[in-house]
Amino acid sequence: MNPWWLGSGTAIFLIGHAFYRAMLRSGRVADRLVAAVCVVPLGLVTSFAGWAAMAAVMVVLGVVAAIDHRLATRGLT
């Protein structure tokens, strides 16, 4: 399996979600775009430790969710 699939697939999801939010004007888009750029290189980690790559991707997605939650509770979205 190609090691880029994990990072690229997650990045495509984040870019699609950013596009969806931009069309609806329902919040910040920059967080998802930055996360998409950060996730792509994590695919290389799968060549020697698949669990580490999955954990790193989950950390990035968790940070994006935490930022969204924090901004939503403050009314900044």
C-alpha atoms as a PDB file:
ATOM      1  CA  MET A   1       0.000   0.000   0.000  1.00  0.00           C
ATOM      2  CA  ASN A   2       1.194   3.492  -0.799  1.00  0.00           C
ATOM      3  CA  PRO A   3       2.298   5.354   2.366  1.00  0.00           C
ATOM      4  CA  TRP A   4       0.880   8.652   1.090  1.00  0.00           C
ATOM      5  CA  TRP A   5      -2.725   7.434   1.183  1.00  0.00           C
ATOM      6  CA  LEU A   6      -3.278   8.053   4.884  1.00  0.00           C
ATOM      7  CA  GLY A   7      -2.092  11.654   4.828  1.00  0.00           C
ATOM      8  CA  SER A   8      -3.538  12.494   1.425  1.00  0.00           C
ATOM      9  CA  GLY A   9      -6.942  10.988   2.187  1.00  0.00           C
ATOM     10  CA  THR A  10      -7.215  12.910   5.422  1.00  0.00           C
ATOM     11  CA  ALA A  11      -6.074  16.098   3.681  1.00  0.00           C
ATOM     12  CA  ILE A  12      -8.715  15.658   0.967  1.00  0.00           C
ATOM     13  CA  PHE A  13     -11.353  15.252   3.682  1.00  0.00           C
ATOM     14  CA  LEU A  14     -10.189  18.412   5.469  1.00  0.00           C
ATOM     15  CA  ILE A  15     -10.090  20.448   2.233  1.00  0.00           C
ATOM     16  CA  GLY A  16     -13.578  19.236   1.329  1.00  0.00           C
ATOM     17  CA  HIS A  17     -14.857  20.149   4.772  1.00  0.00           C
ATOM     18  CA  ALA A  18     -13.243  23.585   4.513  1.00  0.00           C
ATOM     19  CA  PHE A  19     -14.895  24.118   1.116  1.00  0.00           C
ATOM     20  CA  TYR A  20     -18.260  23.046   2.548  1.00  0.00           C
ATOM     21  CA  ARG A  21     -17.937  25.436   5.494  1.00  0.00           C
ATOM     22  CA  ALA A  22     -16.858  28.245   3.182  1.00  0.00           C
ATOM     23  CA  MET A  23     -19.903  27.741   0.981  1.00  0.00           C
ATOM     24  CA  LEU A  24     -22.213  27.776   4.007  1.00  0.00           C
ATOM     25  CA  ARG A  25     -20.275  30.593   5.683  1.00  0.00           C
ATOM     26  CA  SER A  26     -20.466  28.626   8.894  1.00  0.00           C
ATOM     27  CA  GLY A  27     -17.106  29.174  10.490  1.00  0.00           C
ATOM     28  CA  ARG A  28     -13.396  29.407  10.009  1.00  0.00           C
ATOM     29  CA  VAL A  29     -11.799  27.617   7.090  1.00  0.00           C
ATOM     30  CA  ALA A  30      -8.125  28.320   7.757  1.00  0.00           C
ATOM     31  CA  ASP A  31      -7.871  25.749  10.560  1.00  0.00           C
ATOM     32  CA  ARG A  32      -8.790  22.920   8.212  1.00  0.00           C
ATOM     33  CA  LEU A  33      -6.470  24.097   5.469  1.00  0.00           C
ATOM     34  CA  VAL A  34      -3.516  24.292   7.856  1.00  0.00           C
ATOM     35  CA  ALA A  35      -4.364  20.840   9.211  1.00  0.00           C
ATOM     36  CA  ALA A  36      -4.546  19.472   5.647  1.00  0.00           C
ATOM     37  CA  VAL A  37      -1.018  20.700   4.972  1.00  0.00           C
ATOM     38  CA  CYS A  38       0.223  19.230   8.263  1.00  0.00           C
ATOM     39  CA  VAL A  39      -1.351  15.805   7.695  1.00  0.00           C
ATOM     40  CA  VAL A  40       0.102  15.012   4.253  1.00  0.00           C
ATOM     41  CA  PRO A  41       3.693  14.330   5.427  1.00  0.00           C
ATOM     42  CA  LEU A  42       2.402  12.029   8.152  1.00  0.00           C
ATOM     43  CA  GLY A  43       1.754   9.425   5.480  1.00  0.00           C
ATOM     44  CA  LEU A  44       5.488   8.765   5.304  1.00  0.00           C
ATOM     45  CA  VAL A  45       5.456   7.569   8.898  1.00  0.00           C
ATOM     46  CA  THR A  46       3.341   4.582   7.832  1.00  0.00           C
ATOM     47  CA  SER A  47       6.376   3.057   6.116  1.00  0.00           C
ATOM     48  CA  PHE A  48       7.945   2.194   9.496  1.00  0.00           C
ATOM     49  CA  ALA A  49       5.213   2.615  12.119  1.00  0.00           C
ATOM     50  CA  GLY A  50       1.606   2.569  10.992  1.00  0.00           C
ATOM     51  CA  TRP A  51       0.253   3.040  14.493  1.00  0.00           C
ATOM     52  CA  ALA A  52       2.349   6.189  14.980  1.00  0.00           C
ATOM     53  CA  ALA A  53       1.017   7.691  11.758  1.00  0.00           C
ATOM     54  CA  MET A  54      -2.569   6.958  12.765  1.00  0.00           C
ATOM     55  CA  ALA A  55      -1.964   8.458  16.194  1.00  0.00           C
ATOM     56  CA  ALA A  56      -0.451  11.605  14.671  1.00  0.00           C
ATOM     57  CA  VAL A  57      -3.389  12.020  12.276  1.00  0.00           C
ATOM     58  CA  MET A  58      -5.819  11.614  15.170  1.00  0.00           C
ATOM     59  CA  VAL A  59      -3.919  14.259  17.157  1.00  0.00           C
ATOM     60  CA  VAL A  60      -4.189  16.731  14.257  1.00  0.00           C
ATOM     61  CA  LEU A  61      -7.920  16.053  13.860  1.00  0.00           C
ATOM     62  CA  GLY A  62      -8.407  16.341  17.620  1.00  0.00           C
ATOM     63  CA  VAL A  63      -6.668  19.725  17.678  1.00  0.00           C
ATOM     64  CA  VAL A  64      -8.913  20.985  14.870  1.00  0.00           C
ATOM     65  CA  ALA A  65     -12.006  19.780  16.758  1.00  0.00           C
ATOM     66  CA  ALA A  66     -10.801  21.382  20.004  1.00  0.00           C
ATOM     67  CA  ILE A  67     -10.174  24.716  18.281  1.00  0.00           C
ATOM     68  CA  ASP A  68     -13.649  24.605  16.733  1.00  0.00           C
ATOM     69  CA  HIS A  69     -15.239  23.803  20.077  1.00  0.00           C
ATOM     70  CA  ARG A  70     -13.357  26.538  21.897  1.00  0.00           C
ATOM     71  CA  LEU A  71     -14.262  29.160  19.280  1.00  0.00           C
ATOM     72  CA  ALA A  72     -17.901  28.039  19.160  1.00  0.00           C
ATOM     73  CA  THR A  73     -18.299  28.324  22.929  1.00  0.00           C
ATOM     74  CA  ARG A  74     -16.865  31.833  22.837  1.00  0.00           C
ATOM     75  CA  GLY A  75     -19.105  32.792  19.921  1.00  0.00           C
ATOM     76  CA  LEU A  76     -16.180  33.557  17.607  1.00  0.00           C
ATOM     77  CA  THR A  77     -17.107  31.311  14.663  1.00  0.00           C
END
